[in-house]
Amino acid sequence: MDYGIYRKIPHPRYVVGQQYNDIALIELYHPVKFTEFIRPICLDDENGYTGRKLIATGWGRIQATGSVSKDLQKVDLDYFPHDECQQKYAKVSKQDLPYGIDTQTQICAGSESEAKDSCQGDSGGPLQEKRLGRYYLLGITSFGIGCGTPGIPGVYTKVSYYIPWIESVVWPFSG
C-alpha cells in the first residue's frame, strides 16, 4: 500500500543550514497496517548510552562516494562520549555548528577502529537499540564528516529530548 505523506511537521526551532533540532514528524494519508514485520518503535527516554549496543539502519551510500544501497543496511555502532565527539567536530564550520555538539539534543555513535557508520542518504533513519525483544529509537541520523572513517562518529538527533514536543504534536489535546 502507498501511504503517501499528508503533511510534514519540522521542529519549530529547526534552522536550515544549521545542524540543531534536526527532527520532523510525518503524518500519512492512511494508517499503517501493522504486521509481524511492521511494528511501531518505542521512544527511548533514557540518557545513559555508555556500553549500549546501538544499531543504525538505512538505504544510504555504502561508501562516501558510492551509490545508494538497493537493500536495507544495518550496522552495529558504539556510543561516543560527548567530550570526545565535541573534539572530533571542533573544526566543523561555525556556521553549521555554532555551539558545537549539543549534549541535550545530539548523541554520537560510530566505531573507534572500524569503518562503520551511517552515510549520505541515511539521514532521517533510526539509531536504535534492541532491549527485551523490543526496539527503542534513541536517535535520528543527522550528519557526519564523510562516512565510515574509523574514530569519526556520526551525529544523531537525541530523541529523548524531543519526546514532549513529539507528544504535543501527536496528542495535542491530552494532558
C-alpha atoms as a PDB file:
ATOM      1  CA  MET A   1       0.000   0.000   0.000  1.00  0.00           C
ATOM      2  CA  ASP A   2       1.187   3.520  -0.795  1.00  0.00           C
ATOM      3  CA  TYR A   3       0.560   5.548   2.359  1.00  0.00           C
ATOM      4  CA  GLY A   4       1.517   8.950   0.964  1.00  0.00           C
ATOM      5  CA  ILE A   5       2.674  11.905   3.048  1.00  0.00           C
ATOM      6  CA  TYR A   6      -0.200  14.126   4.161  1.00  0.00           C
ATOM      7  CA  ARG A   7       1.999  16.705   5.909  1.00  0.00           C
ATOM      8  CA  LYS A   8       5.495  17.272   7.292  1.00  0.00           C
ATOM      9  CA  ILE A   9       5.954  18.929  10.683  1.00  0.00           C
ATOM     10  CA  PRO A  10       9.525  20.200  11.209  1.00  0.00           C
ATOM     11  CA  HIS A  11      10.637  21.124  14.713  1.00  0.00           C
ATOM     12  CA  PRO A  12       9.795  24.821  15.298  1.00  0.00           C
ATOM     13  CA  ARG A  13      13.419  25.645  16.230  1.00  0.00           C
ATOM     14  CA  TYR A  14      14.958  23.959  13.182  1.00  0.00           C
ATOM     15  CA  VAL A  15      17.044  26.389  11.114  1.00  0.00           C
ATOM     16  CA  VAL A  16      18.054  25.406   7.571  1.00  0.00           C
ATOM     17  CA  GLY A  17      21.849  25.319   7.318  1.00  0.00           C
ATOM     18  CA  GLN A  18      22.445  24.537  10.988  1.00  0.00           C
ATOM     19  CA  GLN A  19      22.652  21.077  12.482  1.00  0.00           C
ATOM     20  CA  TYR A  20      20.394  21.558  15.512  1.00  0.00           C
ATOM     21  CA  ASN A  21      16.782  20.417  16.111  1.00  0.00           C
ATOM     22  CA  ASP A  22      17.118  18.194  13.039  1.00  0.00           C
ATOM     23  CA  ILE A  23      13.843  16.375  13.542  1.00  0.00           C
ATOM     24  CA  ALA A  24      10.442  16.351  11.856  1.00  0.00           C
ATOM     25  CA  LEU A  25       7.259  14.324  12.087  1.00  0.00           C
ATOM     26  CA  ILE A  26       5.395  12.988   9.074  1.00  0.00           C
ATOM     27  CA  GLU A  27       1.655  12.433   9.007  1.00  0.00           C
ATOM     28  CA  LEU A  28       0.471   9.846   6.487  1.00  0.00           C
ATOM     29  CA  TYR A  29      -2.761   9.810   4.484  1.00  0.00           C
ATOM     30  CA  HIS A  30      -3.630   6.317   5.724  1.00  0.00           C
ATOM     31  CA  PRO A  31      -2.997   4.442   8.991  1.00  0.00           C
ATOM     32  CA  VAL A  32      -0.143   1.936   8.823  1.00  0.00           C
ATOM     33  CA  LYS A  33      -1.274  -1.679   8.953  1.00  0.00           C
ATOM     34  CA  PHE A  34       0.909  -3.470  11.494  1.00  0.00           C
ATOM     35  CA  THR A  35       2.109  -6.992  10.768  1.00  0.00           C
ATOM     36  CA  GLU A  36       4.672  -9.380  12.171  1.00  0.00           C
ATOM     37  CA  PHE A  37       7.327  -7.346  10.313  1.00  0.00           C
ATOM     38  CA  ILE A  38       5.864  -3.832  10.514  1.00  0.00           C
ATOM     39  CA  ARG A  39       5.655  -2.583  14.103  1.00  0.00           C
ATOM     40  CA  PRO A  40       5.887   0.767  15.842  1.00  0.00           C
ATOM     41  CA  ILE A  41       9.164   1.567  17.578  1.00  0.00           C
ATOM     42  CA  CYS A  42       9.315   2.661  21.217  1.00  0.00           C
ATOM     43  CA  LEU A  43      10.768   6.084  22.006  1.00  0.00           C
ATOM     44  CA  ASP A  44      13.774   5.864  24.307  1.00  0.00           C
ATOM     45  CA  ASP A  45      13.534   8.130  27.342  1.00  0.00           C
ATOM     46  CA  GLU A  46      16.853   7.156  28.921  1.00  0.00           C
ATOM     47  CA  ASN A  47      20.051   9.183  28.654  1.00  0.00           C
ATOM     48  CA  GLY A  48      22.841   6.777  29.675  1.00  0.00           C
ATOM     49  CA  TYR A  49      24.293   5.351  26.462  1.00  0.00           C
ATOM     50  CA  THR A  50      27.716   4.047  27.564  1.00  0.00           C
ATOM     51  CA  GLY A  51      28.072   0.335  26.877  1.00  0.00           C
ATOM     52  CA  ARG A  52      24.804   0.073  24.963  1.00  0.00           C
ATOM     53  CA  LYS A  53      24.750  -1.718  21.599  1.00  0.00           C
ATOM     54  CA  LEU A  54      23.436   0.817  19.091  1.00  0.00           C
ATOM     55  CA  ILE A  55      22.137  -0.094  15.638  1.00  0.00           C
ATOM     56  CA  ALA A  56      21.802   2.221  12.630  1.00  0.00           C
ATOM     57  CA  THR A  57      19.870   1.219   9.522  1.00  0.00           C
ATOM     58  CA  GLY A  58      19.302   2.866   6.159  1.00  0.00           C
ATOM     59  CA  TRP A  59      19.345   2.741   2.380  1.00  0.00           C
ATOM     60  CA  GLY A  60      22.109   5.325   2.027  1.00  0.00           C
ATOM     61  CA  ARG A  61      25.522   5.043   0.455  1.00  0.00           C
ATOM     62  CA  ILE A  62      27.783   2.176   1.397  1.00  0.00           C
ATOM     63  CA  GLN A  63      30.844   4.407   0.838  1.00  0.00           C
ATOM     64  CA  ALA A  64      31.176   8.204   0.880  1.00  0.00           C
ATOM     65  CA  THR A  65      31.476   8.338  -2.925  1.00  0.00           C
ATOM     66  CA  GLY A  66      29.419   5.267  -3.842  1.00  0.00           C
ATOM     67  CA  SER A  67      25.818   4.829  -4.886  1.00  0.00           C
ATOM     68  CA  VAL A  68      22.922   4.213  -2.514  1.00  0.00           C
ATOM     69  CA  SER A  69      22.120   0.673  -1.455  1.00  0.00           C
ATOM     70  CA  LYS A  70      19.305  -1.330  -3.032  1.00  0.00           C
ATOM     71  CA  ASP A  71      18.962  -3.268   0.228  1.00  0.00           C
ATOM     72  CA  LEU A  72      18.385  -2.030   3.749  1.00  0.00           C
ATOM     73  CA  GLN A  73      21.754  -1.902   5.515  1.00  0.00           C
ATOM     74  CA  LYS A  74      22.379  -2.413   9.233  1.00  0.00           C
ATOM     75  CA  VAL A  75      25.458  -1.539  11.275  1.00  0.00           C
ATOM     76  CA  ASP A  76      26.290  -2.002  14.965  1.00  0.00           C
ATOM     77  CA  LEU A  77      27.800   1.141  16.484  1.00  0.00           C
ATOM     78  CA  ASP A  78      29.368   2.255  19.730  1.00  0.00           C
ATOM     79  CA  TYR A  79      28.374   5.334  21.697  1.00  0.00           C
ATOM     80  CA  PHE A  80      30.944   8.166  21.652  1.00  0.00           C
ATOM     81  CA  PRO A  81      31.007  10.308  24.823  1.00  0.00           C
ATOM     82  CA  HIS A  82      30.135  13.986  24.344  1.00  0.00           C
ATOM     83  CA  ASP A  83      33.600  15.401  25.049  1.00  0.00           C
ATOM     84  CA  GLU A  84      35.210  13.010  22.569  1.00  0.00           C
ATOM     85  CA  CYS A  85      32.606  13.815  19.906  1.00  0.00           C
ATOM     86  CA  GLN A  86      32.969  17.550  20.550  1.00  0.00           C
ATOM     87  CA  GLN A  87      36.716  17.256  19.976  1.00  0.00           C
ATOM     88  CA  LYS A  88      36.205  15.385  16.677  1.00  0.00           C
ATOM     89  CA  TYR A  89      33.851  18.105  15.418  1.00  0.00           C
ATOM     90  CA  ALA A  90      35.823  21.126  16.700  1.00  0.00           C
ATOM     91  CA  LYS A  91      36.911  22.047  13.168  1.00  0.00           C
ATOM     92  CA  VAL A  92      33.444  21.870  11.601  1.00  0.00           C
ATOM     93  CA  SER A  93      32.135  25.172  10.250  1.00  0.00           C
ATOM     94  CA  LYS A  94      30.925  27.515  12.988  1.00  0.00           C
ATOM     95  CA  GLN A  95      28.042  28.372  10.655  1.00  0.00           C
ATOM     96  CA  ASP A  96      26.802  24.755  10.729  1.00  0.00           C
ATOM     97  CA  LEU A  97      27.597  24.103  14.411  1.00  0.00           C
ATOM     98  CA  PRO A  98      27.931  27.500  16.133  1.00  0.00           C
ATOM     99  CA  TYR A  99      27.513  25.921  19.594  1.00  0.00           C
ATOM    100  CA  GLY A 100      29.385  22.670  18.938  1.00  0.00           C
ATOM    101  CA  ILE A 101      27.744  19.307  19.621  1.00  0.00           C
ATOM    102  CA  ASP A 102      24.780  19.885  21.958  1.00  0.00           C
ATOM    103  CA  THR A 103      24.693  17.360  24.821  1.00  0.00           C
ATOM    104  CA  GLN A 104      20.946  17.816  25.321  1.00  0.00           C
ATOM    105  CA  THR A 105      19.843  17.311  21.732  1.00  0.00           C
ATOM    106  CA  GLN A 106      22.560  15.274  19.998  1.00  0.00           C
ATOM    107  CA  ILE A 107      24.382  11.976  20.522  1.00  0.00           C
ATOM    108  CA  CYS A 108      27.311  10.484  18.638  1.00  0.00           C
ATOM    109  CA  ALA A 109      27.926   6.914  17.537  1.00  0.00           C
ATOM    110  CA  GLY A 110      30.445   5.143  15.339  1.00  0.00           C
ATOM    111  CA  SER A 111      33.475   2.913  15.689  1.00  0.00           C
ATOM    112  CA  GLU A 112      36.871   3.822  17.068  1.00  0.00           C
ATOM    113  CA  SER A 113      38.702   1.204  14.991  1.00  0.00           C
ATOM    114  CA  GLU A 114      36.433   0.025  12.149  1.00  0.00           C
ATOM    115  CA  ALA A 115      34.870   1.647   9.060  1.00  0.00           C
ATOM    116  CA  LYS A 116      31.328   1.531  10.482  1.00  0.00           C
ATOM    117  CA  ASP A 117      28.898   4.434  10.233  1.00  0.00           C
ATOM    118  CA  SER A 118      25.705   5.707   8.688  1.00  0.00           C
ATOM    119  CA  CYS A 119      26.327   7.568   5.425  1.00  0.00           C
ATOM    120  CA  GLN A 120      24.861  10.056   2.953  1.00  0.00           C
ATOM    121  CA  GLY A 121      21.286   9.049   2.179  1.00  0.00           C
ATOM    122  CA  ASP A 122      20.706   7.569   5.647  1.00  0.00           C
ATOM    123  CA  SER A 123      19.601  10.900   7.161  1.00  0.00           C
ATOM    124  CA  GLY A 124      16.281  10.623   8.953  1.00  0.00           C
ATOM    125  CA  GLY A 125      16.840   6.935   9.631  1.00  0.00           C
ATOM    126  CA  PRO A 126      16.883   5.338  13.083  1.00  0.00           C
ATOM    127  CA  LEU A 127      19.625   4.860  15.639  1.00  0.00           C
ATOM    128  CA  GLN A 128      18.067   2.149  17.746  1.00  0.00           C
ATOM    129  CA  GLU A 129      18.658  -0.417  20.429  1.00  0.00           C
ATOM    130  CA  LYS A 130      17.013  -3.793  20.992  1.00  0.00           C
ATOM    131  CA  ARG A 131      16.024  -4.409  24.622  1.00  0.00           C
ATOM    132  CA  LEU A 132      13.962  -7.355  25.830  1.00  0.00           C
ATOM    133  CA  GLY A 133      12.763  -8.130  22.305  1.00  0.00           C
ATOM    134  CA  ARG A 134      11.623  -4.563  21.505  1.00  0.00           C
ATOM    135  CA  TYR A 135      13.340  -1.850  19.516  1.00  0.00           C
ATOM    136  CA  TYR A 136      13.806   1.618  21.001  1.00  0.00           C
ATOM    137  CA  LEU A 137      14.514   4.742  18.962  1.00  0.00           C
ATOM    138  CA  LEU A 138      17.467   6.572  20.540  1.00  0.00           C
ATOM    139  CA  GLY A 139      18.429   8.873  17.701  1.00  0.00           C
ATOM    140  CA  ILE A 140      17.752  10.026  14.171  1.00  0.00           C
ATOM    141  CA  THR A 141      20.608  10.067  11.661  1.00  0.00           C
ATOM    142  CA  SER A 142      21.558  13.713  11.196  1.00  0.00           C
ATOM    143  CA  PHE A 143      25.079  14.354   9.841  1.00  0.00           C
ATOM    144  CA  GLY A 144      28.721  13.361   9.898  1.00  0.00           C
ATOM    145  CA  ILE A 145      32.131  14.003   8.416  1.00  0.00           C
ATOM    146  CA  GLY A 146      32.373  11.679   5.427  1.00  0.00           C
ATOM    147  CA  CYS A 147      31.245   8.215   6.424  1.00  0.00           C
ATOM    148  CA  GLY A 148      32.862   5.111   7.763  1.00  0.00           C
ATOM    149  CA  THR A 149      36.062   6.805   8.918  1.00  0.00           C
ATOM    150  CA  PRO A 150      37.358   4.967  11.986  1.00  0.00           C
ATOM    151  CA  GLY A 151      37.352   7.250  15.025  1.00  0.00           C
ATOM    152  CA  ILE A 152      34.962   9.812  13.483  1.00  0.00           C
ATOM    153  CA  PRO A 153      31.418   9.266  14.792  1.00  0.00           C
ATOM    154  CA  GLY A 154      28.166  10.229  13.137  1.00  0.00           C
ATOM    155  CA  VAL A 155      25.863  12.690  14.899  1.00  0.00           C
ATOM    156  CA  TYR A 156      22.268  11.776  15.689  1.00  0.00           C
ATOM    157  CA  THR A 157      19.348  13.837  16.962  1.00  0.00           C
ATOM    158  CA  LYS A 158      18.662  12.624  20.524  1.00  0.00           C
ATOM    159  CA  VAL A 159      15.009  11.510  20.584  1.00  0.00           C
ATOM    160  CA  SER A 160      14.595  11.544  24.385  1.00  0.00           C
ATOM    161  CA  TYR A 161      14.962  15.342  24.428  1.00  0.00           C
ATOM    162  CA  TYR A 162      12.133  15.764  21.908  1.00  0.00           C
ATOM    163  CA  ILE A 163       9.519  13.444  23.456  1.00  0.00           C
ATOM    164  CA  PRO A 164       7.473  16.349  24.928  1.00  0.00           C
ATOM    165  CA  TRP A 165       7.365  18.046  21.502  1.00  0.00           C
ATOM    166  CA  ILE A 166       6.505  14.761  19.731  1.00  0.00           C
ATOM    167  CA  GLU A 167       3.670  14.094  22.174  1.00  0.00           C
ATOM    168  CA  SER A 168       2.343  17.658  21.830  1.00  0.00           C
ATOM    169  CA  VAL A 169       2.038  17.133  18.067  1.00  0.00           C
ATOM    170  CA  VAL A 170       0.740  13.550  18.117  1.00  0.00           C
ATOM    171  CA  TRP A 171      -1.659  14.027  21.047  1.00  0.00           C
ATOM    172  CA  PRO A 172      -2.327  17.801  21.057  1.00  0.00           C
ATOM    173  CA  PHE A 173      -5.358  17.727  23.358  1.00  0.00           C
ATOM    174  CA  SER A 174      -4.228  15.246  26.012  1.00  0.00           C
ATOM    175  CA  GLY A 175      -2.991  16.228  29.440  1.00  0.00           C
END
